[in-house]
PDB file of all heavy atoms in Angstrom:
ATOM      1  N   ARG A   1     -13.678  -0.107   3.152  1.00  0.00           N
ATOM      2  CA  ARG A   1     -12.616  -0.110   2.173  1.00  0.00           C
ATOM      3  C   ARG A   1     -11.266  -0.041   2.754  1.00  0.00           C
ATOM      4  O   ARG A   1     -11.044   0.611   3.841  1.00  0.00           O
ATOM      5  CB  ARG A   1     -12.799   1.105   1.205  1.00  0.00           C
ATOM      6  CG  ARG A   1     -11.844   1.215  -0.001  1.00  0.00           C
ATOM      7  CD  ARG A   1     -12.026   2.565  -0.544  1.00  0.00           C
ATOM      8  NE  ARG A   1     -11.070   2.811  -1.803  1.00  0.00           N
ATOM      9  CZ  ARG A   1     -10.669   3.853  -2.271  1.00  0.00           C
ATOM     10  NH1 ARG A   1     -11.214   4.988  -1.749  1.00  0.00           N
ATOM     11  NH2 ARG A   1      -9.900   4.002  -3.261  1.00  0.00           N
ATOM     12  N   GLU A   2     -10.395  -0.779   2.253  1.00  0.00           N
ATOM     13  CA  GLU A   2      -8.997  -0.818   2.686  1.00  0.00           C
ATOM     14  C   GLU A   2      -7.944  -0.882   1.659  1.00  0.00           C
ATOM     15  O   GLU A   2      -8.236  -1.361   0.537  1.00  0.00           O
ATOM     16  CB  GLU A   2      -8.720  -1.934   3.716  1.00  0.00           C
ATOM     17  CG  GLU A   2      -8.665  -3.358   3.098  1.00  0.00           C
ATOM     18  CD  GLU A   2      -8.518  -4.394   4.245  1.00  0.00           C
ATOM     19  OE1 GLU A   2      -9.066  -4.180   5.347  1.00  0.00           O
ATOM     20  OE2 GLU A   2      -7.800  -5.457   3.923  1.00  0.00           O
ATOM     21  N   TRP A   3      -6.779  -0.349   1.914  1.00  0.00           N
ATOM     22  CA  TRP A   3      -5.628  -0.497   1.027  1.00  0.00           C
ATOM     23  C   TRP A   3      -4.703  -1.557   1.627  1.00  0.00           C
ATOM     24  O   TRP A   3      -4.308  -1.440   2.781  1.00  0.00           O
ATOM     25  CB  TRP A   3      -4.930   0.842   0.733  1.00  0.00           C
ATOM     26  CG  TRP A   3      -5.748   1.775  -0.062  1.00  0.00           C
ATOM     27  CD1 TRP A   3      -6.751   1.423  -0.983  1.00  0.00           C
ATOM     28  CD2 TRP A   3      -5.525   3.102  -0.162  1.00  0.00           C
ATOM     29  NE1 TRP A   3      -7.241   2.580  -1.617  1.00  0.00           N
ATOM     30  CE2 TRP A   3      -6.632   3.651  -1.164  1.00  0.00           C
ATOM     31  CE3 TRP A   3      -4.737   4.085   0.416  1.00  0.00           C
ATOM     32  CZ2 TRP A   3      -6.726   5.024  -1.523  1.00  0.00           C
ATOM     33  CZ3 TRP A   3      -4.799   5.421   0.088  1.00  0.00           C
ATOM     34  CH2 TRP A   3      -5.879   5.909  -0.858  1.00  0.00           C
ATOM     35  N   GLU A   4      -4.255  -2.476   0.924  1.00  0.00           N
ATOM     36  CA  GLU A   4      -3.340  -3.517   1.402  1.00  0.00           C
ATOM     37  C   GLU A   4      -2.099  -3.429   0.613  1.00  0.00           C
ATOM     38  O   GLU A   4      -2.106  -3.605  -0.698  1.00  0.00           O
ATOM     39  CB  GLU A   4      -4.084  -4.917   1.155  1.00  0.00           C
ATOM     40  CG  GLU A   4      -3.420  -6.091   1.819  1.00  0.00           C
ATOM     41  CD  GLU A   4      -4.076  -7.424   1.691  1.00  0.00           C
ATOM     42  OE1 GLU A   4      -5.104  -7.544   2.460  1.00  0.00           O
ATOM     43  OE2 GLU A   4      -3.803  -8.183   0.754  1.00  0.00           O
ATOM     44  N   ILE A   5      -0.981  -3.284   1.286  1.00  0.00           N
ATOM     45  CA  ILE A   5       0.353  -3.136   0.582  1.00  0.00           C
ATOM     46  C   ILE A   5       1.112  -4.372   0.927  1.00  0.00           C
ATOM     47  O   ILE A   5       1.361  -4.716   2.045  1.00  0.00           O
ATOM     48  CB  ILE A   5       1.145  -1.937   1.226  1.00  0.00           C
ATOM     49  CG1 ILE A   5       0.252  -0.643   1.319  1.00  0.00           C
ATOM     50  CG2 ILE A   5       2.347  -1.661   0.286  1.00  0.00           C
ATOM     51  CD1 ILE A   5       0.833   0.373   2.222  1.00  0.00           C
ATOM     52  N   GLU A   6       1.436  -5.151  -0.083  1.00  0.00           N
ATOM     53  CA  GLU A   6       2.159  -6.427   0.130  1.00  0.00           C
ATOM     54  C   GLU A   6       3.535  -6.367  -0.489  1.00  0.00           C
ATOM     55  O   GLU A   6       3.652  -5.979  -1.709  1.00  0.00           O
ATOM     56  CB  GLU A   6       1.405  -7.609  -0.445  1.00  0.00           C
ATOM     57  CG  GLU A   6       2.052  -8.918  -0.108  1.00  0.00           C
ATOM     58  CD  GLU A   6       1.144 -10.176  -0.514  1.00  0.00           C
ATOM     59  OE1 GLU A   6       0.100  -9.958  -0.909  1.00  0.00           O
ATOM     60  OE2 GLU A   6       1.712 -11.295  -0.353  1.00  0.00           O
ATOM     61  N   LEU A   7       4.607  -6.660   0.258  1.00  0.00           N
ATOM     62  CA  LEU A   7       5.964  -6.673  -0.243  1.00  0.00           C
ATOM     63  C   LEU A   7       6.076  -8.013  -1.099  1.00  0.00           C
ATOM     64  O   LEU A   7       5.744  -9.090  -0.605  1.00  0.00           O
ATOM     65  CB  LEU A   7       6.881  -6.675   0.854  1.00  0.00           C
ATOM     66  CG  LEU A   7       8.322  -6.365   0.644  1.00  0.00           C
ATOM     67  CD1 LEU A   7       8.472  -4.798   0.060  1.00  0.00           C
ATOM     68  CD2 LEU A   7       9.162  -6.364   1.929  1.00  0.00           C
ATOM     69  N   LYS A   8       6.756  -7.719  -2.292  1.00  0.00           N
ATOM     70  CA  LYS A   8       7.075  -8.971  -3.086  1.00  0.00           C
ATOM     71  C   LYS A   8       8.587  -9.224  -3.159  1.00  0.00           C
ATOM     72  O   LYS A   8       9.007 -10.043  -2.414  1.00  0.00           O
ATOM     73  CB  LYS A   8       6.478  -8.781  -4.462  1.00  0.00           C
ATOM     74  CG  LYS A   8       4.946  -8.688  -4.552  1.00  0.00           C
ATOM     75  CD  LYS A   8       4.285 -10.003  -4.055  1.00  0.00           C
ATOM     76  CE  LYS A   8       2.771  -9.962  -4.229  1.00  0.00           C
ATOM     77  NZ  LYS A   8       2.162 -11.329  -3.857  1.00  0.00           N
ATOM     78  N   THR A   9       9.301  -8.443  -3.822  1.00  0.00           N
ATOM     79  CA  THR A   9      10.709  -8.719  -3.955  1.00  0.00           C
ATOM     80  C   THR A   9      11.645  -7.506  -3.510  1.00  0.00           C
ATOM     81  O   THR A   9      12.869  -7.603  -3.419  1.00  0.00           O
ATOM     82  CB  THR A   9      11.110  -8.952  -5.379  1.00  0.00           C
ATOM     83  OG1 THR A   9      10.841  -7.847  -6.282  1.00  0.00           O
ATOM     84  CG2 THR A   9      10.510 -10.155  -5.952  1.00  0.00           C
ATOM     85  N   ALA A  10      10.944  -6.358  -3.060  1.00  0.00           N
ATOM     86  CA  ALA A  10      11.667  -5.249  -2.561  1.00  0.00           C
ATOM     87  C   ALA A  10      12.012  -5.426  -1.112  1.00  0.00           C
ATOM     88  O   ALA A  10      11.674  -6.392  -0.539  1.00  0.00           O
ATOM     89  CB  ALA A  10      10.833  -4.009  -2.815  1.00  0.00           C
ATOM     90  N   ASP A  11      12.714  -4.461  -0.606  1.00  0.00           N
ATOM     91  CA  ASP A  11      13.078  -4.454   0.894  1.00  0.00           C
ATOM     92  C   ASP A  11      11.938  -3.786   1.608  1.00  0.00           C
ATOM     93  O   ASP A  11      11.071  -3.074   1.037  1.00  0.00           O
ATOM     94  CB  ASP A  11      14.414  -3.978   1.230  1.00  0.00           C
ATOM     95  CG  ASP A  11      14.628  -2.480   0.762  1.00  0.00           C
ATOM     96  OD1 ASP A  11      13.604  -1.780   0.750  1.00  0.00           O
ATOM     97  OD2 ASP A  11      15.785  -2.182   0.502  1.00  0.00           O
ATOM     98  N   ARG A  12      11.985  -3.856   2.934  1.00  0.00           N
ATOM     99  CA  ARG A  12      10.945  -3.213   3.841  1.00  0.00           C
ATOM    100  C   ARG A  12      10.982  -1.702   3.782  1.00  0.00           C
ATOM    101  O   ARG A  12       9.924  -1.029   4.067  1.00  0.00           O
ATOM    102  CB  ARG A  12      11.157  -3.769   5.223  1.00  0.00           C
ATOM    103  CG  ARG A  12      10.811  -5.255   5.428  1.00  0.00           C
ATOM    104  CD  ARG A  12      10.980  -5.724   6.823  1.00  0.00           C
ATOM    105  NE  ARG A  12      10.732  -7.169   6.931  1.00  0.00           N
ATOM    106  CZ  ARG A  12       9.708  -7.764   7.260  1.00  0.00           C
ATOM    107  NH1 ARG A  12       8.557  -7.058   7.637  1.00  0.00           N
ATOM    108  NH2 ARG A  12       9.627  -9.020   7.388  1.00  0.00           N
ATOM    109  N   ASP A  13      12.060  -1.185   3.314  1.00  0.00           N
ATOM    110  CA  ASP A  13      12.129   0.320   3.351  1.00  0.00           C
ATOM    111  C   ASP A  13      11.160   0.871   2.242  1.00  0.00           C
ATOM    112  O   ASP A  13      10.447   1.835   2.498  1.00  0.00           O
ATOM    113  CB  ASP A  13      13.573   0.765   2.948  1.00  0.00           C
ATOM    114  CG  ASP A  13      13.624   2.316   2.851  1.00  0.00           C
ATOM    115  OD1 ASP A  13      13.450   2.978   3.819  1.00  0.00           O
ATOM    116  OD2 ASP A  13      13.828   2.821   1.723  1.00  0.00           O
ATOM    117  N   LEU A  14      10.967   0.115   1.084  1.00  0.00           N
ATOM    118  CA  LEU A  14      10.078   0.540   0.108  1.00  0.00           C
ATOM    119  C   LEU A  14       8.582   0.363   0.560  1.00  0.00           C
ATOM    120  O   LEU A  14       7.742   1.138   0.350  1.00  0.00           O
ATOM    121  CB  LEU A  14      10.230  -0.255  -1.221  1.00  0.00           C
ATOM    122  CG  LEU A  14       9.373   0.167  -2.439  1.00  0.00           C
ATOM    123  CD1 LEU A  14       9.367   1.557  -2.668  1.00  0.00           C
ATOM    124  CD2 LEU A  14       9.611  -0.740  -3.550  1.00  0.00           C
ATOM    125  N   LEU A  15       8.430  -0.699   1.417  1.00  0.00           N
ATOM    126  CA  LEU A  15       7.070  -0.909   1.915  1.00  0.00           C
ATOM    127  C   LEU A  15       6.685   0.269   2.756  1.00  0.00           C
ATOM    128  O   LEU A  15       5.525   0.815   2.726  1.00  0.00           O
ATOM    129  CB  LEU A  15       7.094  -2.148   2.779  1.00  0.00           C
ATOM    130  CG  LEU A  15       5.644  -2.647   3.344  1.00  0.00           C
ATOM    131  CD1 LEU A  15       4.853  -3.179   2.283  1.00  0.00           C
ATOM    132  CD2 LEU A  15       5.981  -3.746   4.423  1.00  0.00           C
ATOM    133  N   ALA A  16       7.639   0.761   3.566  1.00  0.00           N
ATOM    134  CA  ALA A  16       7.412   1.909   4.524  1.00  0.00           C
ATOM    135  C   ALA A  16       7.117   3.211   3.701  1.00  0.00           C
ATOM    136  O   ALA A  16       6.269   3.972   4.063  1.00  0.00           O
ATOM    137  CB  ALA A  16       8.535   2.125   5.491  1.00  0.00           C
ATOM    138  N   ARG A  17       7.958   3.278   2.595  1.00  0.00           N
ATOM    139  CA  ARG A  17       7.733   4.546   1.742  1.00  0.00           C
ATOM    140  C   ARG A  17       6.356   4.607   1.103  1.00  0.00           C
ATOM    141  O   ARG A  17       5.748   5.603   0.905  1.00  0.00           O
ATOM    142  CB  ARG A  17       8.816   4.627   0.667  1.00  0.00           C
ATOM    143  CG  ARG A  17      10.150   4.997   1.394  1.00  0.00           C
ATOM    144  CD  ARG A  17      11.302   4.956   0.343  1.00  0.00           C
ATOM    145  NE  ARG A  17      12.572   5.409   0.933  1.00  0.00           N
ATOM    146  CZ  ARG A  17      13.061   6.652   0.970  1.00  0.00           C
ATOM    147  NH1 ARG A  17      12.240   7.647   0.451  1.00  0.00           N
ATOM    148  NH2 ARG A  17      14.251   6.886   1.534  1.00  0.00           N
ATOM    149  N   VAL A  18       5.955   3.345   0.621  1.00  0.00           N
ATOM    150  CA  VAL A  18       4.632   3.293  -0.066  1.00  0.00           C
ATOM    151  C   VAL A  18       3.531   3.561   0.949  1.00  0.00           C
ATOM    152  O   VAL A  18       2.512   4.307   0.693  1.00  0.00           O
ATOM    153  CB  VAL A  18       4.385   1.835  -0.597  1.00  0.00           C
ATOM    154  CG1 VAL A  18       2.937   1.759  -1.114  1.00  0.00           C
ATOM    155  CG2 VAL A  18       5.361   1.645  -1.749  1.00  0.00           C
ATOM    156  N   ALA A  19       3.724   3.003   2.190  1.00  0.00           N
ATOM    157  CA  ALA A  19       2.682   3.387   3.291  1.00  0.00           C
ATOM    158  C   ALA A  19       2.645   4.849   3.599  1.00  0.00           C
ATOM    159  O   ALA A  19       1.558   5.429   3.847  1.00  0.00           O
ATOM    160  CB  ALA A  19       3.128   2.620   4.485  1.00  0.00           C
ATOM    161  N   ASP A  20       3.816   5.499   3.592  1.00  0.00           N
ATOM    162  CA  ASP A  20       3.795   6.966   3.857  1.00  0.00           C
ATOM    163  C   ASP A  20       3.080   7.702   2.735  1.00  0.00           C
ATOM    164  O   ASP A  20       2.300   8.625   3.083  1.00  0.00           O
ATOM    165  CB  ASP A  20       5.223   7.448   3.935  1.00  0.00           C
ATOM    166  CG  ASP A  20       5.990   7.108   5.187  1.00  0.00           C
ATOM    167  OD1 ASP A  20       5.314   6.658   6.150  1.00  0.00           O
ATOM    168  OD2 ASP A  20       7.149   7.144   5.118  1.00  0.00           O
ATOM    169  N   ARG A  21       3.204   7.258   1.513  1.00  0.00           N
ATOM    170  CA  ARG A  21       2.626   7.903   0.333  1.00  0.00           C
ATOM    171  C   ARG A  21       1.082   7.759   0.559  1.00  0.00           C
ATOM    172  O   ARG A  21       0.271   8.770   0.299  1.00  0.00           O
ATOM    173  CB  ARG A  21       3.021   7.323  -0.934  1.00  0.00           C
ATOM    174  CG  ARG A  21       2.395   7.757  -2.233  1.00  0.00           C
ATOM    175  CD  ARG A  21       3.041   9.235  -2.588  1.00  0.00           C
ATOM    176  NE  ARG A  21       4.389   9.146  -2.880  1.00  0.00           N
ATOM    177  CZ  ARG A  21       4.992   8.988  -3.963  1.00  0.00           C
ATOM    178  NH1 ARG A  21       4.296   8.813  -5.068  1.00  0.00           N
ATOM    179  NH2 ARG A  21       6.311   8.977  -4.028  1.00  0.00           N
ATOM    180  N   LEU A  22       0.640   6.545   0.938  1.00  0.00           N
ATOM    181  CA  LEU A  22      -0.887   6.304   1.004  1.00  0.00           C
ATOM    182  C   LEU A  22      -1.447   7.052   2.234  1.00  0.00           C
ATOM    183  O   LEU A  22      -2.641   7.490   2.215  1.00  0.00           O
ATOM    184  CB  LEU A  22      -1.068   4.732   1.120  1.00  0.00           C
ATOM    185  CG  LEU A  22      -0.730   3.973  -0.135  1.00  0.00           C
ATOM    186  CD1 LEU A  22      -1.024   2.559   0.078  1.00  0.00           C
ATOM    187  CD2 LEU A  22      -1.408   4.603  -1.408  1.00  0.00           C
ATOM    188  N   THR A  23      -0.771   7.070   3.405  1.00  0.00           N
ATOM    189  CA  THR A  23      -1.274   7.806   4.530  1.00  0.00           C
ATOM    190  C   THR A  23      -1.309   9.235   4.348  1.00  0.00           C
ATOM    191  O   THR A  23      -2.213   9.879   4.750  1.00  0.00           O
ATOM    192  CB  THR A  23      -0.402   7.435   5.839  1.00  0.00           C
ATOM    193  OG1 THR A  23       0.919   7.756   5.555  1.00  0.00           O
ATOM    194  CG2 THR A  23      -0.554   6.020   6.179  1.00  0.00           C
ATOM    195  N   ASP A  24      -0.343   9.876   3.507  1.00  0.00           N
ATOM    196  CA  ASP A  24      -0.417  11.259   3.185  1.00  0.00           C
ATOM    197  C   ASP A  24      -1.714  11.515   2.306  1.00  0.00           C
ATOM    198  O   ASP A  24      -2.281  12.699   2.429  1.00  0.00           O
ATOM    199  CB  ASP A  24       0.712  11.650   2.394  1.00  0.00           C
ATOM    200  CG  ASP A  24       2.061  11.703   3.182  1.00  0.00           C
ATOM    201  OD1 ASP A  24       1.968  11.665   4.370  1.00  0.00           O
ATOM    202  OD2 ASP A  24       3.202  11.738   2.640  1.00  0.00           O
ATOM    203  N   ALA A  25      -2.187  10.511   1.679  1.00  0.00           N
ATOM    204  CA  ALA A  25      -3.452  10.584   0.806  1.00  0.00           C
ATOM    205  C   ALA A  25      -4.762  10.500   1.617  1.00  0.00           C
ATOM    206  O   ALA A  25      -5.853  10.725   1.177  1.00  0.00           O
ATOM    207  CB  ALA A  25      -3.438   9.544  -0.312  1.00  0.00           C
ATOM    208  N   GLY A  26      -4.544  10.205   2.998  1.00  0.00           N
ATOM    209  CA  GLY A  26      -5.756  10.043   3.897  1.00  0.00           C
ATOM    210  C   GLY A  26      -5.931   8.704   4.568  1.00  0.00           C
ATOM    211  O   GLY A  26      -6.905   8.583   5.309  1.00  0.00           O
ATOM    212  N   ALA A  27      -5.266   7.788   4.172  1.00  0.00           N
ATOM    213  CA  ALA A  27      -5.388   6.344   4.811  1.00  0.00           C
ATOM    214  C   ALA A  27      -4.857   6.408   6.224  1.00  0.00           C
ATOM    215  O   ALA A  27      -3.990   7.207   6.587  1.00  0.00           O
ATOM    216  CB  ALA A  27      -4.739   5.365   4.004  1.00  0.00           C
ATOM    217  N   VAL A  28      -5.376   5.476   7.058  1.00  0.00           N
ATOM    218  CA  VAL A  28      -4.887   5.341   8.443  1.00  0.00           C
ATOM    219  C   VAL A  28      -4.648   3.884   8.701  1.00  0.00           C
ATOM    220  O   VAL A  28      -5.281   3.156   8.025  1.00  0.00           O
ATOM    221  CB  VAL A  28      -5.959   5.972   9.500  1.00  0.00           C
ATOM    222  CG1 VAL A  28      -6.096   7.446   9.256  1.00  0.00           C
ATOM    223  CG2 VAL A  28      -7.245   5.194   9.379  1.00  0.00           C
ATOM    224  N   PRO A  29      -3.803   3.514   9.680  1.00  0.00           N
ATOM    225  CA  PRO A  29      -3.618   2.107   9.985  1.00  0.00           C
ATOM    226  C   PRO A  29      -4.998   1.399  10.242  1.00  0.00           C
ATOM    227  O   PRO A  29      -5.879   1.935  10.874  1.00  0.00           O
ATOM    228  CB  PRO A  29      -2.767   2.118  11.259  1.00  0.00           C
ATOM    229  CG  PRO A  29      -2.064   3.399  11.191  1.00  0.00           C
ATOM    230  CD  PRO A  29      -3.012   4.454  10.553  1.00  0.00           C
ATOM    231  N   ALA A  30      -5.057   0.191   9.704  1.00  0.00           N
ATOM    232  CA  ALA A  30      -6.283  -0.524   9.883  1.00  0.00           C
ATOM    233  C   ALA A  30      -6.697  -0.901  11.212  1.00  0.00           C
ATOM    234  O   ALA A  30      -5.775  -1.101  12.122  1.00  0.00           O
ATOM    235  CB  ALA A  30      -6.190  -1.878   8.980  1.00  0.00           C
ATOM    236  N   ASP A  31      -7.976  -0.992  11.537  1.00  0.00           N
ATOM    237  CA  ASP A  31      -8.432  -1.403  12.929  1.00  0.00           C
ATOM    238  C   ASP A  31      -8.195  -2.783  13.237  1.00  0.00           C
ATOM    239  O   ASP A  31      -8.145  -3.258  14.361  1.00  0.00           O
ATOM    240  CB  ASP A  31      -9.958  -1.046  13.067  1.00  0.00           C
ATOM    241  CG  ASP A  31     -10.198   0.460  13.136  1.00  0.00           C
ATOM    242  OD1 ASP A  31      -9.301   1.154  13.594  1.00  0.00           O
ATOM    243  OD2 ASP A  31     -11.367   0.809  12.838  1.00  0.00           O
ATOM    244  N   ALA A  32      -8.105  -3.663  12.126  1.00  0.00           N
ATOM    245  CA  ALA A  32      -7.943  -5.068  12.355  1.00  0.00           C
ATOM    246  C   ALA A  32      -6.735  -5.606  11.497  1.00  0.00           C
ATOM    247  O   ALA A  32      -6.389  -5.033  10.518  1.00  0.00           O
ATOM    248  CB  ALA A  32      -9.213  -5.796  11.873  1.00  0.00           C
TER     249      ALA A  32
END
């Protein structure tokens, strides 16, 4: 199982903030 975060029209700062929210929930950077 993986979570994939894709930026559409926002800037990269929001991408990083979403990633922080998901890693706080227990996700880790993907192996691949």
